Amino acid sequence: MTLVVIGGATATGKSELAIAVAKKIDGQVVNADSMQLYRGMNIGTAKLPLEERQGIPHHMIDLVEVSTDVNVAWYQEQARATIDELLGQGVAVVVVGGTGFYIKAILDDLNFPDTDPLVREKITLQAEKIGNDALHQRLAILDPAAAAAIPKENLRRVIRALEVIEITGKPFTANLPRADSTRYPSARQFGLTMDRDLLDTRVDARVDRMFELGLVEEVDTLIQQGLLVGKTARAALGYAQVVAMRNGEISGDEAISQTKLATRQYIRRQETWFRRDQRITWLDESSERVAIIEKAILST
């Protein structure tokens, strides 16, 4: 059973590496990017078009409409079922993405407390009263690790984390398991890292390119398809800024600059999250990444 996991921050080259590894091991790719689950969110999520996937099947992509709010429990069930089916057929799997909580949900036996409508409604009303920033600050006090992983713009996840804390009396991240409780003991995890200045340059170029390719027009189309109805998709990097621009809150130039800033901030949170997992082997931009991963697989 070959299961490779490639995580790490935005713009470090995960998607391209996943394809290269999948070609080497005759495998298929399973997406672990929370926003690539949404149909039509292509440019802003850097979703590889079909012609760039080099014939490698990709799973857990384009599954839901932007008006739908997806949670990690749903993702865990769907992703594990896909992985188990592929592995059962003798097909190697490469999981790739930058959503650390989704990767952990695949690998580890997380417990997801039931929701309490009364608690959720109370916290939602608090959010409306005190605002996103203050609510996120409250989360930072109660569970700094969760606050580091969840951006303040993603109000739905902030509310959910606070709901779990109130229901269980424990930090939201308290149910993150030890390494020995993994569902897939033979999985090999790799994280991609990159020089900070180089990564910042790549982020700037990536955001500029997204706007050049038509991110604004993509958002306009998605608004017609219900982007403003759901809370999750509209909070995505780039999409939130374009929505704010369309609402007259910021200019086009500000939308670009704010997307770059928000992406850098998100990268810092990704790095904080992934660095907590001691099972990850880190590969920088100078590494022979494919060769190292292939060697690790063969030695398993």
Protein backbone atom coordinates (compact mmCIF):
# COMPACT_ATOMS: atom_id res chain seq x y z
CA MET A 1 0.00 0.00 0.00
CA THR A 2 1.63 3.25 -1.15
CA LEU A 3 0.26 6.49 0.29
CA VAL A 4 2.30 9.67 -0.09
CA VAL A 5 1.22 12.96 1.46
CA ILE A 6 2.58 16.27 0.17
CA GLY A 7 1.71 19.36 2.20
CA GLY A 8 3.09 22.78 2.83
CA ALA A 9 2.44 26.42 2.20
CA THR A 10 0.84 28.05 -0.81
CA ALA A 11 3.06 28.60 -3.89
CA THR A 12 5.75 26.07 -2.91
CA GLY A 13 5.10 23.80 -5.91
CA LYS A 14 2.95 21.06 -4.37
CA SER A 15 0.66 20.40 -7.33
CA GLU A 16 3.46 19.98 -9.84
CA LEU A 17 5.41 17.73 -7.48
CA ALA A 18 2.36 15.57 -6.83
CA ILE A 19 2.00 14.91 -10.55
CA ALA A 20 5.69 14.10 -10.93
CA VAL A 21 5.54 11.65 -8.00
CA ALA A 22 2.30 10.08 -9.23
CA LYS A 23 3.89 9.46 -12.62
CA LYS A 24 6.88 7.79 -10.96
CA ILE A 25 4.80 5.42 -8.83
CA ASP A 26 1.88 4.96 -11.25
CA GLY A 27 -0.44 6.64 -8.77
CA GLN A 28 -3.39 8.98 -8.64
CA VAL A 29 -3.84 12.32 -6.85
CA VAL A 30 -6.29 13.12 -4.04
CA ASN A 31 -6.82 16.82 -3.37
CA ALA A 32 -6.47 18.23 0.15
CA ASP A 33 -7.10 21.90 -0.67
CA SER A 34 -10.38 22.99 0.89
CA MET A 35 -11.20 25.49 -1.87
CA GLN A 36 -10.46 23.23 -4.83
CA LEU A 37 -13.49 21.21 -3.77
CA TYR A 38 -15.66 23.94 -5.29
CA ARG A 39 -16.75 23.94 -8.91
CA GLY A 40 -15.76 27.05 -10.80
CA MET A 41 -13.14 28.20 -8.31
CA ASN A 42 -10.26 27.66 -10.68
CA ILE A 43 -8.07 30.71 -11.11
CA GLY A 44 -7.99 31.86 -7.51
CA THR A 45 -7.22 28.38 -6.16
CA ALA A 46 -4.52 27.67 -8.77
CA LYS A 47 -6.42 24.54 -9.72
CA LEU A 48 -4.50 22.74 -12.45
CA PRO A 49 -6.52 22.53 -15.67
CA LEU A 50 -6.99 19.07 -17.16
CA GLU A 51 -4.31 19.57 -19.81
CA GLU A 52 -1.71 20.25 -17.10
CA ARG A 53 -2.52 17.12 -15.08
CA GLN A 54 -0.58 15.03 -17.60
CA GLY A 55 -3.16 12.27 -17.66
CA ILE A 56 -2.98 11.69 -13.89
CA PRO A 57 -6.49 11.22 -12.41
CA HIS A 58 -7.33 13.77 -9.71
CA HIS A 59 -9.94 13.13 -7.02
CA MET A 60 -11.75 15.35 -4.49
CA ILE A 61 -11.89 18.27 -6.93
CA ASP A 62 -14.96 20.09 -8.29
CA LEU A 63 -17.41 18.28 -6.01
CA VAL A 64 -19.70 21.00 -4.64
CA GLU A 65 -21.28 24.31 -5.61
CA VAL A 66 -19.98 27.56 -4.15
CA SER A 67 -23.25 28.07 -2.31
CA THR A 68 -22.54 24.96 -0.20
CA ASP A 69 -20.59 25.08 3.05
CA VAL A 70 -18.27 22.08 3.37
CA ASN A 71 -16.89 20.97 6.74
CA VAL A 72 -13.91 18.82 7.64
CA ALA A 73 -16.04 15.89 8.84
CA TRP A 74 -17.66 15.64 5.39
CA TYR A 75 -14.27 15.91 3.74
CA GLN A 76 -12.80 13.22 5.97
CA GLU A 77 -15.52 10.74 5.03
CA GLN A 78 -15.32 11.45 1.31
CA ALA A 79 -11.52 11.54 1.07
CA ARG A 80 -10.99 8.37 3.11
CA ALA A 81 -13.55 6.49 1.03
CA THR A 82 -11.73 7.58 -2.14
CA ILE A 83 -8.31 6.64 -0.78
CA ASP A 84 -9.49 3.28 0.54
CA GLU A 85 -11.06 2.44 -2.82
CA LEU A 86 -7.88 3.28 -4.72
CA LEU A 87 -5.60 1.45 -2.31
CA GLY A 88 -7.95 -1.53 -2.39
CA GLN A 89 -7.47 -1.65 -6.14
CA GLY A 90 -3.70 -1.60 -5.70
CA VAL A 91 -3.39 1.99 -6.92
CA ALA A 92 -0.82 4.23 -5.25
CA VAL A 93 -2.20 7.50 -3.84
CA VAL A 94 -0.63 10.94 -3.61
CA VAL A 95 -2.53 13.29 -1.28
CA VAL A 96 -1.63 16.92 -1.92
CA GLY A 97 -2.79 20.23 -0.53
CA GLY A 98 -2.19 23.11 1.78
CA THR A 99 -5.15 22.66 4.12
CA GLY A 100 -3.39 21.10 7.07
CA PHE A 101 -6.54 20.24 8.98
CA TYR A 102 -7.87 18.30 5.99
CA ILE A 103 -4.66 16.30 5.70
CA LYS A 104 -4.76 15.52 9.41
CA ALA A 105 -8.42 14.50 9.10
CA ILE A 106 -7.42 11.94 6.45
CA LEU A 107 -4.56 10.49 8.43
CA ASP A 108 -5.71 10.67 12.02
CA ASP A 109 -8.69 9.63 14.08
CA LEU A 110 -10.16 13.02 14.82
CA ASN A 111 -13.41 13.27 16.71
CA PHE A 112 -15.89 15.88 15.54
CA PRO A 113 -18.37 16.92 18.26
CA ASP A 114 -21.97 17.35 17.23
CA THR A 115 -23.15 20.88 16.69
CA ASP A 116 -25.34 22.66 19.23
CA PRO A 117 -27.70 25.07 17.43
CA LEU A 118 -28.22 27.20 20.53
CA VAL A 119 -24.49 27.60 21.16
CA ARG A 120 -23.82 28.33 17.50
CA GLU A 121 -26.60 30.90 17.34
CA LYS A 122 -25.26 32.63 20.47
CA ILE A 123 -21.74 32.87 19.03
CA THR A 124 -23.08 34.01 15.66
CA LEU A 125 -24.98 36.83 17.35
CA GLN A 126 -21.81 37.75 19.24
CA ALA A 127 -19.94 37.89 15.94
CA GLU A 128 -22.52 40.28 14.52
CA LYS A 129 -22.20 42.45 17.62
CA ILE A 130 -18.42 42.57 18.15
CA GLY A 131 -17.10 41.78 14.66
CA ASN A 132 -14.76 39.22 13.13
CA ASP A 133 -11.56 40.64 14.59
CA ALA A 134 -12.76 40.58 18.19
CA LEU A 135 -14.20 37.08 17.80
CA HIS A 136 -10.91 35.82 16.35
CA GLN A 137 -9.04 37.44 19.24
CA ARG A 138 -11.26 35.51 21.64
CA LEU A 139 -10.33 32.29 19.84
CA ALA A 140 -6.65 33.23 20.08
CA ILE A 141 -6.97 33.47 23.85
CA LEU A 142 -8.85 30.17 24.21
CA ASP A 143 -6.91 28.17 21.61
CA PRO A 144 -3.86 29.90 20.07
CA ALA A 145 -3.13 26.95 17.77
CA ALA A 146 -6.62 27.05 16.28
CA ALA A 147 -6.39 30.82 15.81
CA ALA A 148 -3.09 30.36 13.99
CA ALA A 149 -4.68 27.87 11.60
CA ILE A 150 -7.99 29.64 11.00
CA PRO A 151 -7.98 33.06 9.32
CA LYS A 152 -10.23 35.70 10.84
CA GLU A 153 -11.94 36.10 7.46
CA ASN A 154 -13.28 32.55 7.69
CA LEU A 155 -15.98 33.44 10.19
CA ARG A 156 -17.76 30.11 9.85
CA ARG A 157 -14.70 28.17 11.03
CA VAL A 158 -13.98 30.63 13.83
CA ILE A 159 -17.55 30.20 15.08
CA ARG A 160 -17.28 26.43 14.79
CA ALA A 161 -14.04 26.37 16.78
CA LEU A 162 -15.57 28.46 19.55
CA GLU A 163 -18.66 26.28 19.48
CA VAL A 164 -16.57 23.12 20.00
CA ILE A 165 -14.65 24.80 22.80
CA GLU A 166 -17.87 25.69 24.60
CA ILE A 167 -19.48 22.29 24.03
CA THR A 168 -16.47 20.22 25.10
CA GLY A 169 -14.77 22.54 27.55
CA LYS A 170 -11.51 21.81 25.74
CA PRO A 171 -9.50 23.65 23.06
CA PHE A 172 -10.66 23.01 19.51
CA THR A 173 -7.28 21.42 18.75
CA ALA A 174 -7.42 19.16 21.82
CA ASN A 175 -8.87 16.33 19.72
CA LEU A 176 -5.90 16.37 17.36
CA PRO A 177 -4.39 12.94 18.02
CA ARG A 178 -0.91 11.65 18.70
CA ALA A 179 1.07 10.31 15.76
CA ASP A 180 0.44 6.73 16.85
CA SER A 181 -3.29 7.00 16.20
CA THR A 182 -2.95 7.39 12.45
CA ARG A 183 -5.35 5.55 10.16
CA TYR A 184 -2.64 4.91 7.58
CA PRO A 185 0.54 3.90 9.48
CA SER A 186 2.59 3.38 6.33
CA ALA A 187 1.83 6.82 4.86
CA ARG A 188 4.91 8.91 4.10
CA GLN A 189 4.47 12.63 4.74
CA PHE A 190 6.50 15.36 3.07
CA GLY A 191 6.33 19.12 3.48
CA LEU A 192 7.60 21.69 1.02
CA THR A 193 9.45 24.72 2.28
CA MET A 194 11.04 27.63 0.47
CA ASP A 195 13.24 30.64 1.15
CA ARG A 196 10.98 33.40 2.49
CA ASP A 197 12.07 36.08 0.01
CA LEU A 198 11.68 33.69 -2.91
CA LEU A 199 8.27 32.60 -1.68
CA ASP A 200 7.08 36.18 -1.27
CA THR A 201 8.22 36.90 -4.84
CA ARG A 202 6.33 33.84 -6.09
CA VAL A 203 3.20 34.96 -4.23
CA ASP A 204 3.32 38.41 -5.82
CA ALA A 205 3.76 36.92 -9.30
CA ARG A 206 1.05 34.34 -8.66
CA VAL A 207 -1.52 36.90 -7.52
CA ASP A 208 -0.72 39.24 -10.42
CA ARG A 209 -1.13 36.33 -12.80
CA MET A 210 -4.48 35.34 -11.30
CA PHE A 211 -5.90 38.80 -11.87
CA GLU A 212 -4.47 38.84 -15.39
CA LEU A 213 -6.10 35.49 -16.13
CA GLY A 214 -9.52 36.82 -15.14
CA LEU A 215 -10.06 36.29 -11.41
CA VAL A 216 -12.49 39.22 -11.29
CA GLU A 217 -14.56 37.75 -14.11
CA GLU A 218 -14.46 34.34 -12.43
CA VAL A 219 -15.81 35.85 -9.22
CA ASP A 220 -18.54 37.68 -11.15
CA THR A 221 -19.65 34.35 -12.64
CA LEU A 222 -19.56 32.62 -9.27
CA ILE A 223 -21.63 35.36 -7.67
CA GLN A 224 -24.34 34.48 -10.17
CA GLN A 225 -23.97 30.85 -9.07
CA GLY A 226 -24.42 31.58 -5.37
CA LEU A 227 -20.97 32.58 -4.10
CA LEU A 228 -22.47 35.13 -1.73
CA VAL A 229 -24.88 32.57 -0.28
CA GLY A 230 -22.24 30.27 1.18
CA LYS A 231 -19.84 31.40 3.89
CA THR A 232 -16.88 29.15 3.08
CA ALA A 233 -16.16 29.77 -0.60
CA ARG A 234 -16.58 33.53 -0.43
CA ALA A 235 -13.90 33.70 2.30
CA ALA A 236 -11.23 32.21 0.01
CA LEU A 237 -8.09 34.20 -0.73
CA GLY A 238 -8.63 36.49 -3.68
CA TYR A 239 -12.35 35.83 -3.83
CA ALA A 240 -13.05 37.74 -0.62
CA GLN A 241 -11.02 40.68 -1.88
CA VAL A 242 -12.76 40.76 -5.27
CA VAL A 243 -16.17 40.60 -3.56
CA ALA A 244 -15.12 43.57 -1.43
CA MET A 245 -14.08 45.39 -4.60
CA ARG A 246 -17.40 44.65 -6.26
CA ASN A 247 -19.14 45.97 -3.15
CA GLY A 248 -17.27 49.25 -3.56
CA GLU A 249 -15.31 48.77 -0.34
CA ILE A 250 -11.87 48.75 -1.97
CA SER A 251 -10.33 49.58 -5.35
CA GLY A 252 -8.98 47.12 -7.89
CA ASP A 253 -5.39 47.88 -6.91
CA GLU A 254 -6.29 47.43 -3.26
CA ALA A 255 -7.89 44.08 -4.05
CA ILE A 256 -4.60 42.90 -5.56
CA SER A 257 -2.42 44.23 -2.75
CA GLN A 258 -4.73 42.90 -0.06
CA THR A 259 -4.78 39.48 -1.71
CA LYS A 260 -0.98 39.41 -1.67
CA LEU A 261 -0.90 40.41 2.00
CA ALA A 262 -3.60 37.93 2.99
CA THR A 263 -1.78 35.16 1.12
CA ARG A 264 1.47 35.87 2.96
CA GLN A 265 -0.38 35.84 6.28
CA TYR A 266 -2.05 32.56 5.34
CA ILE A 267 1.33 31.06 4.45
CA ARG A 268 2.59 31.88 7.95
CA ARG A 269 -0.41 30.08 9.45
CA GLN A 270 0.16 27.09 7.17
CA GLU A 271 3.79 26.89 8.25
CA THR A 272 2.78 27.04 11.91
CA TRP A 273 0.28 24.24 11.44
CA PHE A 274 2.47 21.86 9.47
CA ARG A 275 5.53 22.38 11.67
CA ARG A 276 3.65 20.85 14.59
CA ASP A 277 3.59 17.43 12.89
CA GLN A 278 6.84 15.61 13.60
CA ARG A 279 6.09 12.94 11.00
CA ILE A 280 6.76 15.31 8.12
CA THR A 281 10.02 15.18 6.16
CA TRP A 282 10.79 18.68 4.93
CA LEU A 283 12.08 19.40 1.43
CA ASP A 284 13.31 22.83 0.37
CA GLU A 285 13.46 24.22 -3.16
CA SER A 286 17.03 23.01 -3.67
CA SER A 287 16.16 19.37 -2.88
CA GLU A 288 15.80 16.65 -5.48
CA ARG A 289 12.25 16.32 -4.29
CA VAL A 290 10.99 13.56 -6.58
CA ALA A 291 14.10 11.43 -6.05
CA ILE A 292 13.95 11.80 -2.28
CA ILE A 293 10.29 10.82 -2.15
CA GLU A 294 10.81 7.88 -4.50
CA LYS A 295 13.72 6.63 -2.39
CA ALA A 296 11.66 6.95 0.79
CA ILE A 297 8.84 4.93 -0.76
CA LEU A 298 11.18 2.18 -1.88
CA SER A 299 12.71 1.96 1.60
CA THR A 300 9.34 1.54 3.28
